Amino acid sequence: MLTLVTSIIVFGMLVFFHEFGHFIFAKLSDIKVNEFSLGFGPQILKIKLKETEYFIRALPFGGYVKMEGEDSKTTDPRAFNNKPALVRMGVVLAGPIMNFLLAVLLLAIISFSSGIATTSVTVIPGEPAEQAGIRNGDQIYAINNEKVNSWDEIVDIISNKPYEEINITVLRNGDFISYKVNTAAEPQTQRGIIGIKTVVVKHSLSKSLGFGVEKTFWISKMILVGLSQMITGNAKVDVVGPVGMFQIVGEAAKVGIFQLLYIAALISINLGLFNLFPIPALDGGRAIFLLLELLRGKSIDQEKEGLIHFIGFALLMFLMIVVLFKDIKELDLINLMKQFWLKMQ
């Protein structure tokens, strides 16, 4: 039950932000929005405000914004297809952009509450850093003459240099000072250490927002690197569908709220990147057609474009079904459902 409830909340939030991006940009561009829907299938709730109908539907696996003239020709000047190509591209890309903004917000909330690891340090008495001359409050600026920008970067560099002499440049009272430090190693892992701890900053709004932006870019980069490695065959292809994501969200919820928020941010970034791929039926695919329209100086035949998007949508649905069966097989979902049913008796 915890998995079900948290999954509905998380995916509902992700879908809402994505579709709200399309919706609000359309409204700001004076495009007539006929329908805003969260979920698919039978309607649970319907509210009409002015010209727009708002729906909550039974299946929380998506949503949509239905705009006037989006899929058909009309003479209405407020119709989507009668707006300039750049305006339409803004509407299309606003959804993925909102997913990235949501990730920034969630990561900022985490860092605001739990704190941000900085490049300022405290030293452990008797360890290599103190012996070399590094003091509490020093800010590590560079290692081996290469500038470092985060605590994770510092840890990564030092961890890969056990029993080596490294040059550490610190910033102290506005002055740059360099020290030669001989690293030690953890007994079990043999990772390099010098005996320093990060200074954690809590409840800083500006730093938290900066961390959210930086971490969102970093996660996006790692996802794209991983994807390129899968395409080139340098990494194992491992795709998780809705059932698998429900399981991941449920496990995160058991750990704690911050882990749940982090997983939600990670999924939101994945959703934003996925929708930007130049695949028909996705936002990225639609943006490609609009870019071609800008380059050609005239719109592409609406029926031909609609057919291409339909084929793309059908292929995506086929892929989703394949991944769904993969999830069911790996999670042994049938036995889990039997156990749940027996408990309910």
C-alpha atoms as a PDB file:
ATOM      1  CA  MET A   1       0.000   0.000   0.000  1.00  0.00           C
ATOM      2  CA  LEU A   2       2.886   2.381   0.799  1.00  0.00           C
ATOM      3  CA  THR A   3       4.386   1.673  -2.635  1.00  0.00           C
ATOM      4  CA  LEU A   4       1.059   2.295  -4.364  1.00  0.00           C
ATOM      5  CA  VAL A   5       0.280   5.552  -2.556  1.00  0.00           C
ATOM      6  CA  THR A   6       3.764   7.052  -2.854  1.00  0.00           C
ATOM      7  CA  SER A   7       4.016   6.026  -6.511  1.00  0.00           C
ATOM      8  CA  ILE A   8       0.716   7.690  -7.359  1.00  0.00           C
ATOM      9  CA  ILE A   9       1.811  10.871  -5.559  1.00  0.00           C
ATOM     10  CA  VAL A  10       5.263  10.938  -7.197  1.00  0.00           C
ATOM     11  CA  PHE A  11       4.106  10.140 -10.727  1.00  0.00           C
ATOM     12  CA  GLY A  12       1.132  12.459 -10.356  1.00  0.00           C
ATOM     13  CA  MET A  13       3.529  15.269  -9.405  1.00  0.00           C
ATOM     14  CA  LEU A  14       5.861  14.526 -12.330  1.00  0.00           C
ATOM     15  CA  VAL A  15       3.005  14.418 -14.843  1.00  0.00           C
ATOM     16  CA  PHE A  16       1.416  17.560 -13.397  1.00  0.00           C
ATOM     17  CA  PHE A  17       4.617  19.605 -13.719  1.00  0.00           C
ATOM     18  CA  HIS A  18       5.254  18.351 -17.253  1.00  0.00           C
ATOM     19  CA  GLU A  19       1.752  19.056 -18.512  1.00  0.00           C
ATOM     20  CA  PHE A  20       1.559  22.309 -16.544  1.00  0.00           C
ATOM     21  CA  GLY A  21       4.591  23.475 -18.525  1.00  0.00           C
ATOM     22  CA  HIS A  22       2.704  22.963 -21.798  1.00  0.00           C
ATOM     23  CA  PHE A  23      -0.451  24.450 -20.283  1.00  0.00           C
ATOM     24  CA  ILE A  24       0.975  27.640 -18.786  1.00  0.00           C
ATOM     25  CA  PHE A  25       3.082  28.486 -21.853  1.00  0.00           C
ATOM     26  CA  ALA A  26       0.022  27.948 -24.055  1.00  0.00           C
ATOM     27  CA  LYS A  27      -2.040  30.242 -21.838  1.00  0.00           C
ATOM     28  CA  LEU A  28       0.696  32.887 -21.805  1.00  0.00           C
ATOM     29  CA  SER A  29       0.810  32.660 -25.612  1.00  0.00           C
ATOM     30  CA  ASP A  30      -2.974  33.156 -25.838  1.00  0.00           C
ATOM     31  CA  ILE A  31      -3.573  29.660 -27.197  1.00  0.00           C
ATOM     32  CA  LYS A  32      -6.996  28.209 -26.470  1.00  0.00           C
ATOM     33  CA  VAL A  33      -6.675  25.158 -24.193  1.00  0.00           C
ATOM     34  CA  ASN A  34      -9.704  22.872 -24.360  1.00  0.00           C
ATOM     35  CA  GLU A  35      -8.609  20.220 -21.875  1.00  0.00           C
ATOM     36  CA  PHE A  36      -6.015  19.612 -19.157  1.00  0.00           C
ATOM     37  CA  SER A  37      -5.916  15.992 -17.993  1.00  0.00           C
ATOM     38  CA  LEU A  38      -3.896  14.159 -15.360  1.00  0.00           C
ATOM     39  CA  GLY A  39      -3.875  10.439 -16.129  1.00  0.00           C
ATOM     40  CA  PHE A  40      -5.620   8.351 -18.754  1.00  0.00           C
ATOM     41  CA  GLY A  41      -8.760   6.226 -18.852  1.00  0.00           C
ATOM     42  CA  PRO A  42     -12.060   6.768 -17.003  1.00  0.00           C
ATOM     43  CA  GLN A  43     -12.511  10.174 -15.423  1.00  0.00           C
ATOM     44  CA  ILE A  44     -12.598  10.512 -11.646  1.00  0.00           C
ATOM     45  CA  LEU A  45     -13.105  14.256 -11.457  1.00  0.00           C
ATOM     46  CA  LYS A  46     -14.067  16.939 -13.981  1.00  0.00           C
ATOM     47  CA  ILE A  47     -14.098  20.708 -13.464  1.00  0.00           C
ATOM     48  CA  LYS A  48     -14.704  23.369 -16.108  1.00  0.00           C
ATOM     49  CA  LEU A  49     -13.280  26.852 -15.608  1.00  0.00           C
ATOM     50  CA  LYS A  50     -14.023  29.308 -18.403  1.00  0.00           C
ATOM     51  CA  GLU A  51     -12.989  27.638 -21.683  1.00  0.00           C
ATOM     52  CA  THR A  52     -10.890  24.784 -20.236  1.00  0.00           C
ATOM     53  CA  GLU A  53     -12.037  21.437 -18.835  1.00  0.00           C
ATOM     54  CA  TYR A  54      -9.820  19.908 -16.127  1.00  0.00           C
ATOM     55  CA  PHE A  55      -9.799  16.118 -15.626  1.00  0.00           C
ATOM     56  CA  ILE A  56      -8.324  13.661 -13.143  1.00  0.00           C
ATOM     57  CA  ARG A  57      -8.410  10.167 -14.652  1.00  0.00           C
ATOM     58  CA  ALA A  58      -7.988   6.684 -13.228  1.00  0.00           C
ATOM     59  CA  LEU A  59      -4.590   5.644 -14.642  1.00  0.00           C
ATOM     60  CA  PRO A  60      -1.775   7.873 -13.303  1.00  0.00           C
ATOM     61  CA  PHE A  61       0.712   6.964 -16.051  1.00  0.00           C
ATOM     62  CA  GLY A  62       0.615  10.217 -17.963  1.00  0.00           C
ATOM     63  CA  GLY A  63      -1.542  13.129 -18.955  1.00  0.00           C
ATOM     64  CA  TYR A  64      -2.114  15.586 -21.735  1.00  0.00           C
ATOM     65  CA  VAL A  65      -3.056  19.125 -22.696  1.00  0.00           C
ATOM     66  CA  LYS A  66      -5.508  19.383 -25.591  1.00  0.00           C
ATOM     67  CA  MET A  67      -5.227  22.674 -27.455  1.00  0.00           C
ATOM     68  CA  GLU A  68      -7.501  24.088 -30.135  1.00  0.00           C
ATOM     69  CA  GLY A  69      -6.212  23.293 -33.628  1.00  0.00           C
ATOM     70  CA  GLU A  70      -3.430  21.025 -32.382  1.00  0.00           C
ATOM     71  CA  ASP A  71      -4.417  18.093 -34.603  1.00  0.00           C
ATOM     72  CA  SER A  72      -6.802  19.695 -37.080  1.00  0.00           C
ATOM     73  CA  LYS A  73      -7.088  22.789 -39.262  1.00  0.00           C
ATOM     74  CA  THR A  74      -9.156  25.689 -37.984  1.00  0.00           C
ATOM     75  CA  THR A  75      -9.567  29.388 -38.680  1.00  0.00           C
ATOM     76  CA  ASP A  76      -9.511  30.270 -34.967  1.00  0.00           C
ATOM     77  CA  PRO A  77      -6.642  32.788 -34.525  1.00  0.00           C
ATOM     78  CA  ARG A  78      -6.040  31.391 -31.021  1.00  0.00           C
ATOM     79  CA  ALA A  79      -5.517  27.854 -32.332  1.00  0.00           C
ATOM     80  CA  PHE A  80      -2.152  26.167 -31.744  1.00  0.00           C
ATOM     81  CA  ASN A  81      -1.392  25.629 -35.445  1.00  0.00           C
ATOM     82  CA  ASN A  82      -2.164  29.267 -36.285  1.00  0.00           C
ATOM     83  CA  LYS A  83       0.519  30.574 -33.941  1.00  0.00           C
ATOM     84  CA  PRO A  84       4.115  31.304 -35.115  1.00  0.00           C
ATOM     85  CA  ALA A  85       6.482  28.321 -35.167  1.00  0.00           C
ATOM     86  CA  LEU A  86       8.668  29.730 -32.373  1.00  0.00           C
ATOM     87  CA  VAL A  87       5.631  30.096 -30.099  1.00  0.00           C
ATOM     88  CA  ARG A  88       4.571  26.510 -30.818  1.00  0.00           C
ATOM     89  CA  MET A  89       8.115  25.302 -30.151  1.00  0.00           C
ATOM     90  CA  GLY A  90       8.045  27.099 -26.814  1.00  0.00           C
ATOM     91  CA  VAL A  91       4.802  25.312 -25.890  1.00  0.00           C
ATOM     92  CA  VAL A  92       6.244  21.937 -26.934  1.00  0.00           C
ATOM     93  CA  LEU A  93       9.527  22.344 -25.033  1.00  0.00           C
ATOM     94  CA  ALA A  94       7.934  23.856 -21.914  1.00  0.00           C
ATOM     95  CA  GLY A  95       6.961  20.383 -20.648  1.00  0.00           C
ATOM     96  CA  PRO A  96      10.480  18.903 -20.475  1.00  0.00           C
ATOM     97  CA  ILE A  97      11.837  22.202 -19.158  1.00  0.00           C
ATOM     98  CA  MET A  98       9.392  22.009 -16.250  1.00  0.00           C
ATOM     99  CA  ASN A  99      10.686  18.518 -15.458  1.00  0.00           C
ATOM    100  CA  PHE A 100      14.211  19.928 -15.105  1.00  0.00           C
ATOM    101  CA  LEU A 101      12.924  22.823 -12.975  1.00  0.00           C
ATOM    102  CA  LEU A 102      11.089  20.337 -10.740  1.00  0.00           C
ATOM    103  CA  ALA A 103      14.320  18.371 -10.294  1.00  0.00           C
ATOM    104  CA  VAL A 104      16.163  21.570  -9.349  1.00  0.00           C
ATOM    105  CA  LEU A 105      13.451  22.361  -6.778  1.00  0.00           C
ATOM    106  CA  LEU A 106      13.471  18.864  -5.229  1.00  0.00           C
ATOM    107  CA  LEU A 107      17.269  18.741  -5.015  1.00  0.00           C
ATOM    108  CA  ALA A 108      17.295  22.251  -3.513  1.00  0.00           C
ATOM    109  CA  ILE A 109      14.788  21.149  -0.846  1.00  0.00           C
ATOM    110  CA  ILE A 110      17.023  18.199   0.039  1.00  0.00           C
ATOM    111  CA  SER A 111      20.165  20.321   0.269  1.00  0.00           C
ATOM    112  CA  PHE A 112      18.402  23.119   2.177  1.00  0.00           C
ATOM    113  CA  SER A 113      17.307  20.658   4.874  1.00  0.00           C
ATOM    114  CA  SER A 114      20.182  18.179   5.035  1.00  0.00           C
ATOM    115  CA  GLY A 115      23.008  20.580   4.154  1.00  0.00           C
ATOM    116  CA  ILE A 116      25.492  21.068   1.321  1.00  0.00           C
ATOM    117  CA  ALA A 117      29.000  19.647   1.392  1.00  0.00           C
ATOM    118  CA  THR A 118      31.411  22.499   0.618  1.00  0.00           C
ATOM    119  CA  THR A 119      35.077  22.633  -0.328  1.00  0.00           C
ATOM    120  CA  SER A 120      35.895  24.126   3.103  1.00  0.00           C
ATOM    121  CA  VAL A 121      37.301  21.513   5.461  1.00  0.00           C
ATOM    122  CA  THR A 122      37.993  20.530   9.039  1.00  0.00           C
ATOM    123  CA  VAL A 123      41.130  18.459   9.628  1.00  0.00           C
ATOM    124  CA  ILE A 124      41.500  15.342  11.755  1.00  0.00           C
ATOM    125  CA  PRO A 125      44.385  15.685  14.264  1.00  0.00           C
ATOM    126  CA  GLY A 126      47.452  13.621  13.452  1.00  0.00           C
ATOM    127  CA  GLU A 127      46.361  12.831   9.884  1.00  0.00           C
ATOM    128  CA  PRO A 128      48.329  13.752   6.700  1.00  0.00           C
ATOM    129  CA  ALA A 129      46.390  16.984   6.016  1.00  0.00           C
ATOM    130  CA  GLU A 130      47.165  18.429   9.451  1.00  0.00           C
ATOM    131  CA  GLN A 131      50.757  17.257   9.328  1.00  0.00           C
ATOM    132  CA  ALA A 132      51.204  19.027   5.987  1.00  0.00           C
ATOM    133  CA  GLY A 133      49.854  22.331   7.406  1.00  0.00           C
ATOM    134  CA  ILE A 134      46.216  22.435   6.278  1.00  0.00           C
ATOM    135  CA  ARG A 135      43.978  24.084   8.916  1.00  0.00           C
ATOM    136  CA  ASN A 136      40.320  24.071   9.880  1.00  0.00           C
ATOM    137  CA  GLY A 137      38.326  26.395   7.614  1.00  0.00           C
ATOM    138  CA  ASP A 138      40.713  26.182   4.666  1.00  0.00           C
ATOM    139  CA  GLN A 139      38.940  25.990   1.338  1.00  0.00           C
ATOM    140  CA  ILE A 140      40.462  23.482  -1.056  1.00  0.00           C
ATOM    141  CA  TYR A 141      40.916  25.303  -4.351  1.00  0.00           C
ATOM    142  CA  ALA A 142      42.964  22.890  -6.465  1.00  0.00           C
ATOM    143  CA  ILE A 143      44.574  19.456  -6.376  1.00  0.00           C
ATOM    144  CA  ASN A 144      47.705  18.887  -8.462  1.00  0.00           C
ATOM    145  CA  ASN A 145      47.135  22.345  -9.973  1.00  0.00           C
ATOM    146  CA  GLU A 146      43.655  21.406 -11.251  1.00  0.00           C
ATOM    147  CA  LYS A 147      40.777  23.460  -9.846  1.00  0.00           C
ATOM    148  CA  VAL A 148      38.116  21.526  -7.933  1.00  0.00           C
ATOM    149  CA  ASN A 149      34.516  22.713  -7.699  1.00  0.00           C
ATOM    150  CA  SER A 150      32.833  20.337  -5.257  1.00  0.00           C
ATOM    151  CA  TRP A 151      33.448  18.057  -2.299  1.00  0.00           C
ATOM    152  CA  ASP A 152      32.567  15.018  -4.445  1.00  0.00           C
ATOM    153  CA  GLU A 153      35.337  16.000  -6.853  1.00  0.00           C
ATOM    154  CA  ILE A 154      37.831  16.301  -3.984  1.00  0.00           C
ATOM    155  CA  VAL A 155      36.892  12.865  -2.628  1.00  0.00           C
ATOM    156  CA  ASP A 156      37.063  11.286  -6.090  1.00  0.00           C
ATOM    157  CA  ILE A 157      40.557  12.629  -6.826  1.00  0.00           C
ATOM    158  CA  ILE A 158      42.066  11.762  -3.436  1.00  0.00           C
ATOM    159  CA  SER A 159      40.392   8.324  -3.343  1.00  0.00           C
ATOM    160  CA  ASN A 160      42.185   7.334  -6.545  1.00  0.00           C
ATOM    161  CA  LYS A 161      45.637   8.332  -5.216  1.00  0.00           C
ATOM    162  CA  PRO A 162      46.496   6.141  -2.193  1.00  0.00           C
ATOM    163  CA  TYR A 163      50.101   6.352  -0.930  1.00  0.00           C
ATOM    164  CA  GLU A 164      50.971   9.212  -3.289  1.00  0.00           C
ATOM    165  CA  GLU A 165      52.260  12.737  -2.834  1.00  0.00           C
ATOM    166  CA  ILE A 166      49.723  15.287  -4.039  1.00  0.00           C
ATOM    167  CA  ASN A 167      49.807  19.064  -4.220  1.00  0.00           C
ATOM    168  CA  ILE A 168      46.816  20.752  -2.550  1.00  0.00           C
ATOM    169  CA  THR A 169      46.174  24.468  -2.955  1.00  0.00           C
ATOM    170  CA  VAL A 170      43.944  26.043  -0.319  1.00  0.00           C
ATOM    171  CA  LEU A 171      42.355  29.465  -0.021  1.00  0.00           C
ATOM    172  CA  ARG A 172      42.890  30.981   3.446  1.00  0.00           C
ATOM    173  CA  ASN A 173      41.944  34.580   4.294  1.00  0.00           C
ATOM    174  CA  GLY A 174      42.134  35.553   0.639  1.00  0.00           C
ATOM    175  CA  ASP A 175      45.559  33.965   0.079  1.00  0.00           C
ATOM    176  CA  PHE A 176      46.387  30.853  -1.964  1.00  0.00           C
ATOM    177  CA  ILE A 177      48.751  28.455  -0.198  1.00  0.00           C
ATOM    178  CA  SER A 178      50.052  25.149  -1.578  1.00  0.00           C
ATOM    179  CA  TYR A 179      50.964  22.063   0.478  1.00  0.00           C
ATOM    180  CA  LYS A 180      52.575  18.740  -0.364  1.00  0.00           C
ATOM    181  CA  VAL A 181      50.447  16.003   1.234  1.00  0.00           C
ATOM    182  CA  ASN A 182      51.303  12.296   1.398  1.00  0.00           C
ATOM    183  CA  THR A 183      48.058  10.357   1.203  1.00  0.00           C
ATOM    184  CA  ALA A 184      47.259   7.329   3.322  1.00  0.00           C
ATOM    185  CA  ALA A 185      44.714   4.599   2.557  1.00  0.00           C
ATOM    186  CA  GLU A 186      41.654   3.093   4.221  1.00  0.00           C
ATOM    187  CA  PRO A 187      42.548  -0.411   5.478  1.00  0.00           C
ATOM    188  CA  GLN A 188      39.550  -2.172   3.933  1.00  0.00           C
ATOM    189  CA  THR A 189      39.008  -0.323   0.642  1.00  0.00           C
ATOM    190  CA  GLN A 190      42.539   0.977   0.035  1.00  0.00           C
ATOM    191  CA  ARG A 191      41.022   4.278  -1.062  1.00  0.00           C
ATOM    192  CA  GLY A 192      43.232   7.315  -0.642  1.00  0.00           C
ATOM    193  CA  ILE A 193      42.585   9.565   2.394  1.00  0.00           C
ATOM    194  CA  ILE A 194      44.294  12.583   3.966  1.00  0.00           C
ATOM    195  CA  GLY A 195      42.147  13.103   7.082  1.00  0.00           C
ATOM    196  CA  ILE A 196      39.741  15.898   6.171  1.00  0.00           C
ATOM    197  CA  LYS A 197      35.999  16.388   6.535  1.00  0.00           C
ATOM    198  CA  THR A 198      33.734  18.751   4.662  1.00  0.00           C
ATOM    199  CA  VAL A 199      32.077  21.761   6.253  1.00  0.00           C
ATOM    200  CA  VAL A 200      28.313  21.344   5.740  1.00  0.00           C
ATOM    201  CA  VAL A 201      26.163  24.431   5.132  1.00  0.00           C
ATOM    202  CA  LYS A 202      22.459  24.144   6.036  1.00  0.00           C
ATOM    203  CA  HIS A 203      19.428  26.370   5.386  1.00  0.00           C
ATOM    204  CA  SER A 204      21.053  28.506   2.678  1.00  0.00           C
ATOM    205  CA  LEU A 205      18.464  29.267  -0.009  1.00  0.00           C
ATOM    206  CA  SER A 206      20.931  30.614  -2.594  1.00  0.00           C
ATOM    207  CA  LYS A 207      23.436  27.785  -2.118  1.00  0.00           C
ATOM    208  CA  SER A 208      20.647  25.189  -2.165  1.00  0.00           C
ATOM    209  CA  LEU A 209      19.261  26.502  -5.449  1.00  0.00           C
ATOM    210  CA  GLY A 210      22.776  26.597  -6.905  1.00  0.00           C
ATOM    211  CA  PHE A 211      23.321  23.020  -5.771  1.00  0.00           C
ATOM    212  CA  GLY A 212      19.992  21.994  -7.341  1.00  0.00           C
ATOM    213  CA  VAL A 213      20.985  23.482 -10.703  1.00  0.00           C
ATOM    214  CA  GLU A 214      24.497  22.006 -10.584  1.00  0.00           C
ATOM    215  CA  LYS A 215      23.270  18.542  -9.547  1.00  0.00           C
ATOM    216  CA  THR A 216      20.550  18.526 -12.232  1.00  0.00           C
ATOM    217  CA  PHE A 217      23.138  19.263 -14.928  1.00  0.00           C
ATOM    218  CA  TRP A 218      25.466  16.609 -13.494  1.00  0.00           C
ATOM    219  CA  ILE A 219      22.758  13.907 -13.378  1.00  0.00           C
ATOM    220  CA  SER A 220      21.657  14.800 -16.922  1.00  0.00           C
ATOM    221  CA  LYS A 221      25.250  14.457 -18.104  1.00  0.00           C
ATOM    222  CA  MET A 222      25.640  11.055 -16.400  1.00  0.00           C
ATOM    223  CA  ILE A 223      22.388   9.786 -17.941  1.00  0.00           C
ATOM    224  CA  LEU A 224      23.496  10.839 -21.431  1.00  0.00           C
ATOM    225  CA  VAL A 225      26.948   9.286 -20.908  1.00  0.00           C
ATOM    226  CA  GLY A 226      25.323   6.052 -19.760  1.00  0.00           C
ATOM    227  CA  LEU A 227      22.988   6.089 -22.754  1.00  0.00           C
ATOM    228  CA  SER A 228      25.861   6.597 -25.189  1.00  0.00           C
ATOM    229  CA  GLN A 229      27.714   3.703 -23.559  1.00  0.00           C
ATOM    230  CA  MET A 230      24.670   1.459 -23.990  1.00  0.00           C
ATOM    231  CA  ILE A 231      24.356   2.455 -27.656  1.00  0.00           C
ATOM    232  CA  THR A 232      28.046   1.727 -28.319  1.00  0.00           C
ATOM    233  CA  GLY A 233      27.846  -1.559 -26.406  1.00  0.00           C
ATOM    234  CA  ASN A 234      30.155  -0.458 -23.581  1.00  0.00           C
ATOM    235  CA  ALA A 235      27.444  -0.847 -20.943  1.00  0.00           C
ATOM    236  CA  LYS A 236      24.584  -3.252 -20.294  1.00  0.00           C
ATOM    237  CA  VAL A 237      21.168  -2.183 -21.565  1.00  0.00           C
ATOM    238  CA  ASP A 238      18.874  -1.998 -18.543  1.00  0.00           C
ATOM    239  CA  VAL A 239      15.492  -0.346 -19.098  1.00  0.00           C
ATOM    240  CA  VAL A 240      12.990   0.009 -16.247  1.00  0.00           C
ATOM    241  CA  GLY A 241       9.282   0.383 -16.966  1.00  0.00           C
ATOM    242  CA  PRO A 242       6.344   1.655 -14.873  1.00  0.00           C
ATOM    243  CA  VAL A 243       6.216  -1.424 -12.630  1.00  0.00           C
ATOM    244  CA  GLY A 244       9.943  -1.258 -11.956  1.00  0.00           C
ATOM    245  CA  MET A 245       9.741   2.454 -11.188  1.00  0.00           C
ATOM    246  CA  PHE A 246       6.841   1.837  -8.798  1.00  0.00           C
ATOM    247  CA  GLN A 247       9.062  -0.654  -6.989  1.00  0.00           C
ATOM    248  CA  ILE A 248      11.981   1.817  -6.839  1.00  0.00           C
ATOM    249  CA  VAL A 249       9.735   4.590  -5.499  1.00  0.00           C
ATOM    250  CA  GLY A 250       8.293   2.233  -2.877  1.00  0.00           C
ATOM    251  CA  GLU A 251      11.749   1.200  -1.658  1.00  0.00           C
ATOM    252  CA  ALA A 252      12.835   4.859  -1.501  1.00  0.00           C
ATOM    253  CA  ALA A 253       9.757   5.732   0.567  1.00  0.00           C
ATOM    254  CA  LYS A 254      10.750   3.104   3.150  1.00  0.00           C
ATOM    255  CA  VAL A 255      14.186   4.712   3.559  1.00  0.00           C
ATOM    256  CA  GLY A 256      12.940   8.263   4.135  1.00  0.00           C
ATOM    257  CA  ILE A 257      11.541  11.440   2.629  1.00  0.00           C
ATOM    258  CA  PHE A 258      14.887  12.722   1.306  1.00  0.00           C
ATOM    259  CA  GLN A 259      15.580   9.482  -0.542  1.00  0.00           C
ATOM    260  CA  LEU A 260      12.077   9.659  -2.015  1.00  0.00           C
ATOM    261  CA  LEU A 261      12.610  13.261  -3.154  1.00  0.00           C
ATOM    262  CA  TYR A 262      15.954  12.315  -4.714  1.00  0.00           C
ATOM    263  CA  ILE A 263      14.394   9.419  -6.653  1.00  0.00           C
ATOM    264  CA  ALA A 264      11.574  11.743  -7.786  1.00  0.00           C
ATOM    265  CA  ALA A 265      14.171  14.257  -9.026  1.00  0.00           C
ATOM    266  CA  LEU A 266      16.059  11.498 -10.833  1.00  0.00           C
ATOM    267  CA  ILE A 267      12.896  10.249 -12.560  1.00  0.00           C
ATOM    268  CA  SER A 268      11.915  13.825 -13.446  1.00  0.00           C
ATOM    269  CA  ILE A 269      15.284  14.402 -15.146  1.00  0.00           C
ATOM    270  CA  ASN A 270      14.936  11.105 -17.020  1.00  0.00           C
ATOM    271  CA  LEU A 271      11.441  12.103 -18.119  1.00  0.00           C
ATOM    272  CA  GLY A 272      12.642  15.516 -19.295  1.00  0.00           C
ATOM    273  CA  LEU A 273      15.547  14.048 -21.272  1.00  0.00           C
ATOM    274  CA  PHE A 274      13.436  11.262 -22.762  1.00  0.00           C
ATOM    275  CA  ASN A 275      10.841  13.731 -24.006  1.00  0.00           C
ATOM    276  CA  LEU A 276      13.579  15.782 -25.686  1.00  0.00           C
ATOM    277  CA  PHE A 277      14.746  12.853 -27.818  1.00  0.00           C
ATOM    278  CA  PRO A 278      13.957  13.465 -31.520  1.00  0.00           C
ATOM    279  CA  ILE A 279      11.432  10.627 -31.643  1.00  0.00           C
ATOM    280  CA  PRO A 280       8.040  11.154 -33.327  1.00  0.00           C
ATOM    281  CA  ALA A 281       5.165  11.631 -30.838  1.00  0.00           C
ATOM    282  CA  LEU A 282       7.568  12.936 -28.173  1.00  0.00           C
ATOM    283  CA  ASP A 283       8.119  16.643 -27.526  1.00  0.00           C
ATOM    284  CA  GLY A 284      11.573  16.420 -29.092  1.00  0.00           C
ATOM    285  CA  GLY A 285      10.119  14.897 -32.253  1.00  0.00           C
ATOM    286  CA  ARG A 286       7.533  17.655 -32.532  1.00  0.00           C
ATOM    287  CA  ALA A 287      10.242  20.268 -31.980  1.00  0.00           C
ATOM    288  CA  ILE A 288      12.212  18.794 -34.911  1.00  0.00           C
ATOM    289  CA  PHE A 289       9.224  19.285 -37.232  1.00  0.00           C
ATOM    290  CA  LEU A 290       8.883  22.883 -36.034  1.00  0.00           C
ATOM    291  CA  LEU A 291      12.600  23.455 -36.607  1.00  0.00           C
ATOM    292  CA  LEU A 292      12.217  22.121 -40.164  1.00  0.00           C
ATOM    293  CA  GLU A 293       9.294  24.491 -40.644  1.00  0.00           C
ATOM    294  CA  LEU A 294      11.455  27.421 -39.562  1.00  0.00           C
ATOM    295  CA  LEU A 295      14.253  26.376 -41.927  1.00  0.00           C
ATOM    296  CA  ARG A 296      11.921  25.748 -44.874  1.00  0.00           C
ATOM    297  CA  GLY A 297       9.820  28.842 -44.312  1.00  0.00           C
ATOM    298  CA  LYS A 298       6.585  26.874 -44.590  1.00  0.00           C
ATOM    299  CA  SER A 299       4.754  24.274 -42.526  1.00  0.00           C
ATOM    300  CA  ILE A 300       4.933  20.534 -43.186  1.00  0.00           C
ATOM    301  CA  ASP A 301       1.779  18.795 -44.378  1.00  0.00           C
ATOM    302  CA  GLN A 302      -0.288  18.211 -41.241  1.00  0.00           C
ATOM    303  CA  GLU A 303      -1.606  14.805 -42.303  1.00  0.00           C
ATOM    304  CA  LYS A 304       1.892  13.476 -43.073  1.00  0.00           C
ATOM    305  CA  GLU A 305       3.267  14.785 -39.794  1.00  0.00           C
ATOM    306  CA  GLY A 306       0.304  13.311 -37.907  1.00  0.00           C
ATOM    307  CA  LEU A 307       0.917   9.897 -39.515  1.00  0.00           C
ATOM    308  CA  ILE A 308       4.598   9.967 -38.513  1.00  0.00           C
ATOM    309  CA  HIS A 309       3.683  10.883 -34.921  1.00  0.00           C
ATOM    310  CA  PHE A 310       1.068   8.089 -34.872  1.00  0.00           C
ATOM    311  CA  ILE A 311       3.658   5.528 -35.979  1.00  0.00           C
ATOM    312  CA  GLY A 312       6.075   6.840 -33.353  1.00  0.00           C
ATOM    313  CA  PHE A 313       3.399   6.611 -30.680  1.00  0.00           C
ATOM    314  CA  ALA A 314       2.551   3.024 -31.692  1.00  0.00           C
ATOM    315  CA  LEU A 315       6.222   2.013 -31.472  1.00  0.00           C
ATOM    316  CA  LEU A 316       6.537   3.654 -28.047  1.00  0.00           C
ATOM    317  CA  MET A 317       3.458   1.758 -26.833  1.00  0.00           C
ATOM    318  CA  PHE A 318       4.966  -1.497 -28.130  1.00  0.00           C
ATOM    319  CA  LEU A 319       8.217  -0.739 -26.302  1.00  0.00           C
ATOM    320  CA  MET A 320       6.287   0.040 -23.113  1.00  0.00           C
ATOM    321  CA  ILE A 321       4.470  -3.300 -23.327  1.00  0.00           C
ATOM    322  CA  VAL A 322       7.770  -5.159 -23.818  1.00  0.00           C
ATOM    323  CA  VAL A 323       9.338  -3.370 -20.822  1.00  0.00           C
ATOM    324  CA  LEU A 324       6.186  -3.990 -18.762  1.00  0.00           C
ATOM    325  CA  PHE A 325       6.419  -7.749 -19.318  1.00  0.00           C
ATOM    326  CA  LYS A 326      10.136  -7.585 -18.485  1.00  0.00           C
ATOM    327  CA  ASP A 327       9.304  -5.874 -15.174  1.00  0.00           C
ATOM    328  CA  ILE A 328       6.602  -8.426 -14.387  1.00  0.00           C
ATOM    329  CA  LYS A 329       8.998 -11.291 -15.040  1.00  0.00           C
ATOM    330  CA  GLU A 330      11.880  -9.832 -13.006  1.00  0.00           C
ATOM    331  CA  LEU A 331       9.725  -8.764 -10.049  1.00  0.00           C
ATOM    332  CA  ASP A 332       7.627 -11.961 -10.150  1.00  0.00           C
ATOM    333  CA  LEU A 333       4.591  -9.700  -9.987  1.00  0.00           C
ATOM    334  CA  ILE A 334       2.065 -12.525 -10.341  1.00  0.00           C
ATOM    335  CA  ASN A 335       3.260 -14.196  -7.119  1.00  0.00           C
ATOM    336  CA  LEU A 336       3.320 -10.818  -5.360  1.00  0.00           C
ATOM    337  CA  MET A 337      -0.311 -10.228  -6.366  1.00  0.00           C
ATOM    338  CA  LYS A 338      -1.269 -13.716  -5.122  1.00  0.00           C
ATOM    339  CA  GLN A 339       0.387 -13.027  -1.769  1.00  0.00           C
ATOM    340  CA  PHE A 340      -1.384  -9.666  -1.516  1.00  0.00           C
ATOM    341  CA  TRP A 341      -4.728 -11.329  -2.295  1.00  0.00           C
ATOM    342  CA  LEU A 342      -4.178 -14.036   0.345  1.00  0.00           C
ATOM    343  CA  LYS A 343      -3.415 -11.368   2.959  1.00  0.00           C
ATOM    344  CA  MET A 344      -6.650  -9.598   2.105  1.00  0.00           C
ATOM    345  CA  GLN A 345      -8.737 -12.758   2.717  1.00  0.00           C
END
